[in-house]
Structure formats: structure tokens, C-alpha cells
Amino acid sequence: MDDIDSRIIEALRADGRASITAVAEAAHVSRANAYARLSRMLDDGVITGFTAKVDPVRSGRGSSAYVTLRVEQASWHELRDRLRGIPEVEHFALVGGDFDVILLVRARDNEDLRRLVLETLPGIPSVRDTKTSLIFEDHDTR
């Protein structure tokens, strides 16, 4: 990765639907150079995909929270697979510190959030404890 690769990535973060011509202009390189670099970064796994930024409230996910889990660490792989299957879990990470896993959850409403936090997550055998922090307002930095 060099400065040109970084500029290509920043252009795509700003607009994932940008044309290769627009990306090349933003990175100050030729279209062919931008295309070759983008292809290389895709092949190398530097860029893993393209997504849409979605407003959670407008898309029907009006209740959001960060949920931390303390878990039986020996069962991480099984837990990871279970978390991937929960539609309300938008993102999760294995972390170090006072808890083991942090989840960003987006639920339809408080009833769905309550079900997830009080029934679904504690119902997973390896989950020992949960703590929930409601999100009142959130902002993307990109």
C-alpha cells in the first residue's frame, strides 16, 4: 500500500459507486493505473467488498445498542457462527478487557431489542453475562 492506493481507497469510501474514471481523478492517476491498483487490492483482500450505507431508522431499525458479552472463550468459534445468524447483529468483535465480545445491534423497536438482549443472547450456552448501552444518536465519520 502506498499513497496512491490510500487515495483510491478514500475515494471509494466516499462513494463506493464511483466510476473508475472518478476514482482515478481523485487519486491523480490514469484510469488504467487506478483500475490495475483496484484489481490488485481486490485480489489481495485489501478491499473485501462494496456496501451501501444505510440509515438504520429509515430502514426500519429504530432501536440500536452496543451489547457487551462475557463468554466461555473456548467456544468462540461456535459463538461467532451463532452471532452471524442473528439478523439484528450488525457488527461484532472479539476484544480484550472487561468483556470478551462487543456487538452493534439494530432492532426494529424496543420490544425486539428486549427480546434479543433478555432472551436470544442469554439463551446461547457460552454467554455468561451481557451489558447493554442504548444508542440515542450515532454518526458515521466517513
Protein backbone atom coordinates (compact mmCIF):
# COMPACT_ATOMS: atom_id res chain seq x y z
CA MET A 1 0.00 0.00 0.00
CA ASP A 2 1.26 3.43 -0.90
CA ASP A 3 -0.24 6.93 -1.04
CA ILE A 4 -1.95 6.24 -4.37
CA ASP A 5 -3.61 3.09 -3.01
CA SER A 6 -4.74 5.09 0.03
CA ARG A 7 -6.25 7.79 -2.18
CA ILE A 8 -8.10 5.14 -4.20
CA ILE A 9 -9.50 3.64 -1.00
CA GLU A 10 -10.54 7.06 0.31
CA ALA A 11 -12.30 7.83 -2.98
CA LEU A 12 -14.21 4.55 -2.73
CA ARG A 13 -15.06 5.13 0.92
CA ALA A 14 -16.51 8.49 -0.01
CA ASP A 15 -18.53 6.95 -2.86
CA GLY A 16 -18.47 3.19 -3.34
CA ARG A 17 -20.35 3.61 -6.63
CA ALA A 18 -17.80 5.99 -8.12
CA SER A 19 -16.70 5.18 -11.64
CA ILE A 20 -13.12 4.10 -12.22
CA THR A 21 -12.63 7.43 -14.03
CA ALA A 22 -13.76 9.36 -10.94
CA VAL A 23 -11.56 7.21 -8.70
CA ALA A 24 -8.57 7.81 -10.98
CA GLU A 25 -9.18 11.56 -10.93
CA ALA A 26 -9.44 11.59 -7.13
CA ALA A 27 -6.21 9.59 -6.84
CA HIS A 28 -4.44 11.70 -9.52
CA VAL A 29 -3.52 8.70 -11.67
CA SER A 30 -4.52 7.37 -15.05
CA ARG A 31 -7.66 5.31 -15.42
CA ALA A 32 -5.57 2.24 -16.33
CA ASN A 33 -3.37 2.68 -13.26
CA ALA A 34 -6.39 3.08 -10.97
CA TYR A 35 -8.04 0.01 -12.48
CA ALA A 36 -4.89 -2.11 -12.09
CA ARG A 37 -4.41 -1.00 -8.49
CA LEU A 38 -8.05 -1.57 -7.63
CA SER A 39 -7.89 -5.06 -9.14
CA ARG A 40 -4.73 -5.84 -7.17
CA MET A 41 -6.28 -4.62 -3.90
CA LEU A 42 -9.36 -6.78 -4.54
CA ASP A 43 -7.22 -9.83 -5.38
CA ASP A 44 -5.02 -9.26 -2.30
CA GLY A 45 -8.03 -8.93 0.00
CA VAL A 46 -7.23 -5.32 0.94
CA ILE A 47 -10.65 -4.33 -0.37
CA THR A 48 -13.09 -7.02 0.69
CA GLY A 49 -16.26 -5.72 -0.92
CA PHE A 50 -18.55 -2.79 -1.52
CA THR A 51 -21.53 -1.93 0.64
CA ALA A 52 -24.29 0.64 0.96
CA LYS A 53 -24.51 2.99 3.94
CA VAL A 54 -28.00 2.60 5.34
CA ASP A 55 -29.83 4.89 7.75
CA PRO A 56 -30.96 2.46 10.47
CA VAL A 57 -34.07 4.43 11.48
CA ARG A 58 -35.30 4.98 7.92
CA SER A 59 -34.68 1.31 7.11
CA GLY A 60 -36.89 0.13 9.97
CA ARG A 61 -34.22 -0.44 12.63
CA GLY A 62 -35.14 2.30 15.12
CA SER A 63 -33.61 0.80 18.28
CA SER A 64 -29.84 0.43 18.47
CA ALA A 65 -27.45 -0.61 21.21
CA TYR A 66 -23.96 -1.80 21.92
CA VAL A 67 -24.09 -5.08 23.81
CA THR A 68 -21.04 -6.50 25.53
CA LEU A 69 -20.72 -10.18 26.32
CA ARG A 70 -18.62 -12.14 28.73
CA VAL A 71 -18.35 -15.61 27.27
CA GLU A 72 -16.77 -19.01 27.63
CA GLN A 73 -13.76 -18.28 25.46
CA ALA A 74 -13.17 -21.91 24.47
CA SER A 75 -16.41 -21.77 22.48
CA TRP A 76 -15.55 -18.64 20.47
CA HIS A 77 -15.84 -20.28 17.03
CA GLU A 78 -19.28 -21.71 17.79
CA LEU A 79 -20.42 -18.39 19.27
CA ARG A 80 -19.11 -16.50 16.25
CA ASP A 81 -21.21 -18.69 13.96
CA ARG A 82 -24.32 -18.18 16.12
CA LEU A 83 -23.87 -14.39 16.17
CA ARG A 84 -23.57 -14.32 12.37
CA GLY A 85 -27.03 -15.88 12.22
CA ILE A 86 -28.77 -13.21 14.30
CA PRO A 87 -30.29 -10.63 11.91
CA GLU A 88 -30.18 -7.78 14.44
CA VAL A 89 -26.42 -8.11 14.95
CA GLU A 90 -24.87 -5.67 12.50
CA HIS A 91 -21.27 -5.99 13.70
CA PHE A 92 -19.36 -7.86 16.38
CA ALA A 93 -15.77 -8.13 17.53
CA LEU A 94 -13.73 -10.31 19.87
CA VAL A 95 -11.94 -7.89 22.18
CA GLY A 96 -9.72 -7.82 25.26
CA GLY A 97 -10.60 -6.09 28.51
CA ASP A 98 -13.53 -6.21 30.90
CA PHE A 99 -15.66 -8.14 28.39
CA ASP A 100 -14.95 -10.54 25.55
CA VAL A 101 -17.25 -9.59 22.68
CA ILE A 102 -18.94 -6.36 21.66
CA LEU A 103 -21.96 -6.27 19.37
CA LEU A 104 -23.63 -3.45 17.48
CA VAL A 105 -27.29 -4.41 17.31
CA ARG A 106 -30.05 -2.74 15.32
CA ALA A 107 -33.58 -3.85 16.16
CA ARG A 108 -36.95 -2.88 14.74
CA ASP A 109 -38.12 -1.45 18.07
CA ASN A 110 -37.55 -1.70 21.82
CA GLU A 111 -39.60 -4.90 22.02
CA ASP A 112 -37.29 -6.61 19.51
CA LEU A 113 -34.25 -5.22 21.31
CA ARG A 114 -35.56 -6.50 24.65
CA ARG A 115 -36.12 -9.97 23.16
CA LEU A 116 -32.60 -10.04 21.77
CA VAL A 117 -30.93 -8.85 24.97
CA LEU A 118 -33.04 -10.76 27.51
CA GLU A 119 -33.85 -13.95 25.62
CA THR A 120 -31.78 -14.62 22.49
CA LEU A 121 -28.29 -13.75 23.73
CA PRO A 122 -28.61 -15.27 27.24
CA GLY A 123 -30.05 -18.38 25.57
CA ILE A 124 -26.69 -19.07 23.93
CA PRO A 125 -24.92 -21.55 26.24
CA SER A 126 -21.48 -19.90 26.09
CA VAL A 127 -22.78 -16.43 27.03
CA ARG A 128 -22.13 -15.83 30.74
CA ASP A 129 -23.15 -12.17 31.05
CA THR A 130 -24.39 -9.25 28.95
CA LYS A 131 -24.41 -5.48 29.39
CA THR A 132 -26.35 -3.14 27.12
CA SER A 133 -25.72 0.51 26.26
CA LEU A 134 -28.52 2.13 24.29
CA ILE A 135 -27.59 4.35 21.36
CA PHE A 136 -29.54 7.61 21.36
CA GLU A 137 -27.76 9.09 18.35
CA ASP A 138 -24.99 7.76 16.12
CA HIS A 139 -22.88 9.22 13.32
CA ASP A 140 -20.62 7.84 10.60
CA THR A 141 -17.24 9.52 10.38
CA ARG A 142 -16.87 8.68 6.69
